[in-house]
Amino acid sequence: MIVHGVKFSPFVAKVIVALEEKQVAYTVEPPAPTLHPLGKMPVLRDGDVVIPDSSAICAYLERRFPAPALYPDDPAELGRALFLEEYGDAGMAEGWGEVVLERIVKPQMLGQKTDEARLAKLQDVVRERWMGSPRSAGGSPIPAVFDYLESQIPKDRDTLLPRFGIADVAIGAHLGWLEAGGIEIDGKRWPRVARYAEAIRARPSFAAARA
């Protein structure tokens, strides 16, 4: 298995975590934008099979390597798991790309200086989305990311559903934006999120995605 991408991308991390959980051998190679119709990452190559998009890749891996299962059998739990995966990929990722560009990509990969003033403005935008009083594109109030996650994480469990699975893979991967963006979780305000993030970070599969 070959994963094309860079590890600081949560979308790439999703795929690596899934592979690690299923104990499938893989290598990580540079992004291959010509293999993705939108020029994005990750892309998975499994022999002659080429699959773009982290969600499509994870679903493929589930069929290719059924055990251990990352998707619930119960229809209701499956629906919730798929929504939480989408919430991570769409709701949590929004706005972070430019933050990572300024804070990591420019200084570490492009040899360019970070625009600190621009970075501060971008961080304010994501702080509002994650911690403030955000609104939808249509102007309706929506829950801040941390508020929503706090309502979804059980008080007595470190997985979103009864068993670790795709919801945790996605949400856990997108919590990686925080470290990349230099933003911390207020454990007093969001104790479940803080506990969950710590447990996810300690999981060997997530450690491998950071290595």
Protein backbone atom coordinates (compact mmCIF):
# COMPACT_ATOMS: atom_id res chain seq x y z
CA MET A 1 0.00 0.00 0.00
CA ILE A 2 1.24 3.47 -0.86
CA VAL A 3 -0.26 6.62 0.65
CA HIS A 4 0.49 9.79 -1.27
CA GLY A 5 0.42 12.84 0.98
CA VAL A 6 2.08 14.57 3.91
CA LYS A 7 1.47 13.54 7.49
CA PHE A 8 0.54 16.96 8.85
CA SER A 9 -2.65 16.77 6.80
CA PRO A 10 -5.48 15.34 8.96
CA PHE A 11 -6.92 13.76 5.83
CA VAL A 12 -3.69 11.84 5.32
CA ALA A 13 -3.58 11.08 9.05
CA LYS A 14 -7.05 9.51 8.77
CA VAL A 15 -5.79 7.00 6.25
CA ILE A 16 -2.62 6.23 8.19
CA VAL A 17 -4.60 5.64 11.39
CA ALA A 18 -6.98 3.29 9.56
CA LEU A 19 -4.05 1.35 8.11
CA GLU A 20 -2.35 1.17 11.50
CA GLU A 21 -5.52 -0.02 13.23
CA LYS A 22 -5.92 -2.75 10.61
CA GLN A 23 -2.18 -3.57 10.79
CA VAL A 24 -1.73 -3.19 7.05
CA ALA A 25 1.79 -2.48 5.77
CA TYR A 26 2.15 0.81 3.90
CA THR A 27 4.59 3.50 2.87
CA VAL A 28 4.03 7.24 2.69
CA GLU A 29 5.22 8.95 -0.48
CA PRO A 30 5.00 12.58 -1.65
CA PRO A 31 1.67 13.97 -2.85
CA ALA A 32 0.64 12.92 -6.34
CA PRO A 33 -1.82 15.63 -7.47
CA THR A 34 -2.13 14.12 -10.94
CA LEU A 35 -3.77 11.05 -9.37
CA HIS A 36 -6.56 13.11 -7.77
CA PRO A 37 -9.06 14.88 -10.04
CA LEU A 38 -9.06 17.86 -7.63
CA GLY A 39 -5.29 17.82 -7.16
CA LYS A 40 -5.66 17.02 -3.46
CA MET A 41 -4.35 14.44 -1.01
CA PRO A 42 -4.39 11.71 0.12
CA VAL A 43 -4.36 9.19 -2.68
CA LEU A 44 -4.03 5.46 -2.00
CA ARG A 45 -2.35 3.05 -4.40
CA ASP A 46 -2.96 -0.65 -3.86
CA GLY A 47 -1.37 -2.37 -6.82
CA ASP A 48 -3.33 -1.21 -9.85
CA VAL A 49 -6.08 0.29 -7.68
CA VAL A 50 -5.88 4.06 -7.21
CA ILE A 51 -8.32 5.75 -4.82
CA PRO A 52 -8.44 9.46 -3.97
CA ASP A 53 -10.17 11.01 -0.92
CA SER A 54 -9.75 9.93 2.70
CA SER A 55 -13.36 8.81 3.19
CA ALA A 56 -13.34 6.72 0.02
CA ILE A 57 -10.00 5.22 1.02
CA CYS A 58 -11.17 4.29 4.52
CA ALA A 59 -14.32 2.66 3.12
CA TYR A 60 -12.17 0.72 0.64
CA LEU A 61 -9.84 -0.46 3.41
CA GLU A 62 -12.83 -1.67 5.42
CA ARG A 63 -13.93 -3.93 2.57
CA ARG A 64 -10.39 -4.97 1.72
CA PHE A 65 -9.42 -5.72 5.33
CA PRO A 66 -12.62 -6.30 7.33
CA ALA A 67 -10.96 -6.94 10.70
CA PRO A 68 -10.80 -5.15 12.97
CA ALA A 69 -13.93 -3.36 11.84
CA LEU A 70 -13.94 0.44 11.88
CA TYR A 71 -17.57 0.80 10.78
CA PRO A 72 -20.48 -0.28 13.04
CA ASP A 73 -22.88 -3.01 11.96
CA ASP A 74 -25.91 -1.36 13.55
CA PRO A 75 -27.61 0.93 10.99
CA ALA A 76 -28.23 3.75 13.47
CA GLU A 77 -24.68 3.64 14.78
CA LEU A 78 -23.35 3.51 11.22
CA GLY A 79 -25.35 6.59 10.29
CA ARG A 80 -24.02 8.48 13.30
CA ALA A 81 -20.46 7.35 12.62
CA LEU A 82 -20.62 8.50 9.00
CA PHE A 83 -22.04 11.86 10.02
CA LEU A 84 -19.29 12.39 12.60
CA GLU A 85 -16.71 11.50 9.96
CA GLU A 86 -18.24 14.11 7.65
CA TYR A 87 -18.44 16.63 10.50
CA GLY A 88 -14.71 16.23 11.00
CA ASP A 89 -13.86 16.45 7.31
CA ALA A 90 -16.14 19.41 6.58
CA GLY A 91 -16.98 21.24 9.80
CA MET A 92 -13.72 20.87 11.70
CA ALA A 93 -11.39 21.34 8.74
CA GLU A 94 -12.93 24.63 7.63
CA GLY A 95 -10.45 27.50 7.73
CA TRP A 96 -7.43 25.50 8.86
CA GLY A 97 -5.70 25.10 5.52
CA GLU A 98 -4.50 28.70 5.39
CA VAL A 99 -3.38 28.58 9.04
CA VAL A 100 -1.20 25.54 8.35
CA LEU A 101 0.10 27.16 5.17
CA GLU A 102 1.33 30.19 7.10
CA ARG A 103 2.50 28.41 10.24
CA ILE A 104 4.08 25.24 8.82
CA VAL A 105 4.19 24.97 5.04
CA LYS A 106 5.77 28.35 4.27
CA PRO A 107 8.61 28.24 6.83
CA GLN A 108 9.27 24.49 6.84
CA MET A 109 8.59 23.42 3.26
CA LEU A 110 8.75 26.51 1.05
CA GLY A 111 11.55 28.39 2.80
CA GLN A 112 9.32 31.46 3.11
CA LYS A 113 8.69 33.71 6.08
CA THR A 114 5.38 33.43 7.92
CA ASP A 115 3.14 36.47 7.60
CA GLU A 116 2.49 36.85 11.33
CA ALA A 117 -0.26 39.46 10.93
CA ARG A 118 -2.13 37.28 8.46
CA LEU A 119 -1.61 34.22 10.65
CA ALA A 120 -3.10 36.01 13.67
CA LYS A 121 -6.21 36.94 11.67
CA LEU A 122 -6.58 33.39 10.37
CA GLN A 123 -6.23 31.98 13.89
CA ASP A 124 -8.95 34.35 15.10
CA VAL A 125 -11.28 32.98 12.43
CA VAL A 126 -10.76 29.36 13.47
CA ARG A 127 -10.98 30.25 17.18
CA GLU A 128 -14.39 31.75 16.51
CA ARG A 129 -15.46 28.59 14.66
CA TRP A 130 -14.17 26.27 17.38
CA MET A 131 -14.74 28.30 20.55
CA GLY A 132 -16.98 31.25 19.82
CA SER A 133 -20.47 31.86 18.44
CA PRO A 134 -20.21 30.87 14.78
CA ARG A 135 -22.91 31.09 12.14
CA SER A 136 -23.67 29.02 9.08
CA ALA A 137 -23.19 30.31 5.55
CA GLY A 138 -26.86 31.27 5.68
CA GLY A 139 -26.40 33.27 8.86
CA SER A 140 -28.02 30.86 11.33
CA PRO A 141 -26.30 30.21 14.68
CA ILE A 142 -24.46 26.89 14.83
CA PRO A 143 -22.62 25.22 17.71
CA ALA A 144 -18.92 25.92 18.11
CA VAL A 145 -16.84 22.82 17.36
CA PHE A 146 -15.76 22.31 20.97
CA ASP A 147 -19.33 22.79 22.25
CA TYR A 148 -20.66 20.22 19.79
CA LEU A 149 -17.95 17.68 20.55
CA GLU A 150 -18.46 18.14 24.28
CA SER A 151 -22.12 17.18 23.76
CA GLN A 152 -21.18 14.06 21.76
CA ILE A 153 -18.37 12.56 23.85
CA PRO A 154 -19.66 10.24 26.62
CA LYS A 155 -18.59 11.12 30.15
CA ASP A 156 -17.43 7.57 30.87
CA ARG A 157 -15.83 6.53 27.56
CA ASP A 158 -12.96 7.62 25.32
CA THR A 159 -14.70 6.63 22.08
CA LEU A 160 -17.59 8.41 20.41
CA LEU A 161 -19.51 5.19 19.83
CA PRO A 162 -19.33 2.02 21.94
CA ARG A 163 -16.35 0.78 19.92
CA PHE A 164 -13.42 2.70 18.45
CA GLY A 165 -14.12 3.30 14.78
CA ILE A 166 -14.25 5.64 11.82
CA ALA A 167 -15.83 8.46 13.84
CA ASP A 168 -12.85 8.47 16.19
CA VAL A 169 -10.43 8.12 13.29
CA ALA A 170 -11.83 11.25 11.63
CA ILE A 171 -12.52 13.40 14.70
CA GLY A 172 -9.20 12.42 16.24
CA ALA A 173 -7.33 13.25 13.05
CA HIS A 174 -8.94 16.67 12.81
CA LEU A 175 -8.10 17.45 16.42
CA GLY A 176 -4.57 17.43 15.04
CA TRP A 177 -5.31 20.85 13.54
CA LEU A 178 -5.01 22.30 17.04
CA GLU A 179 -1.36 21.40 17.50
CA ALA A 180 -0.54 22.51 13.96
CA GLY A 181 -2.37 25.78 14.53
CA GLY A 182 -0.99 26.54 17.99
CA ILE A 183 -4.37 26.39 19.74
CA GLU A 184 -5.04 24.63 23.05
CA ILE A 185 -8.19 23.11 24.55
CA ASP A 186 -9.52 24.74 27.72
CA GLY A 187 -9.97 21.63 29.87
CA LYS A 188 -12.13 23.45 32.41
CA ARG A 189 -14.61 24.60 29.79
CA TRP A 190 -14.54 21.42 27.67
CA PRO A 191 -13.36 18.61 29.99
CA ARG A 192 -14.68 15.77 27.82
CA VAL A 193 -13.00 17.12 24.71
CA ALA A 194 -9.72 17.56 26.58
CA ARG A 195 -9.89 14.02 27.98
CA TYR A 196 -10.86 12.55 24.62
CA ALA A 197 -8.10 14.40 22.76
CA GLU A 198 -5.50 13.16 25.23
CA ALA A 199 -6.71 9.55 24.93
CA ILE A 200 -6.77 9.72 21.13
CA ARG A 201 -3.31 11.25 20.99
CA ALA A 202 -1.94 8.40 23.13
CA ARG A 203 -3.32 5.70 20.85
CA PRO A 204 -0.46 3.98 18.94
CA SER A 205 -2.14 4.44 15.56
CA PHE A 206 -2.31 8.21 16.05
CA ALA A 207 1.27 8.30 17.32
CA ALA A 208 2.31 6.58 14.08
CA ALA A 209 0.46 9.20 12.05
CA ARG A 210 2.50 11.92 13.78
CA ALA A 211 5.88 10.18 13.52
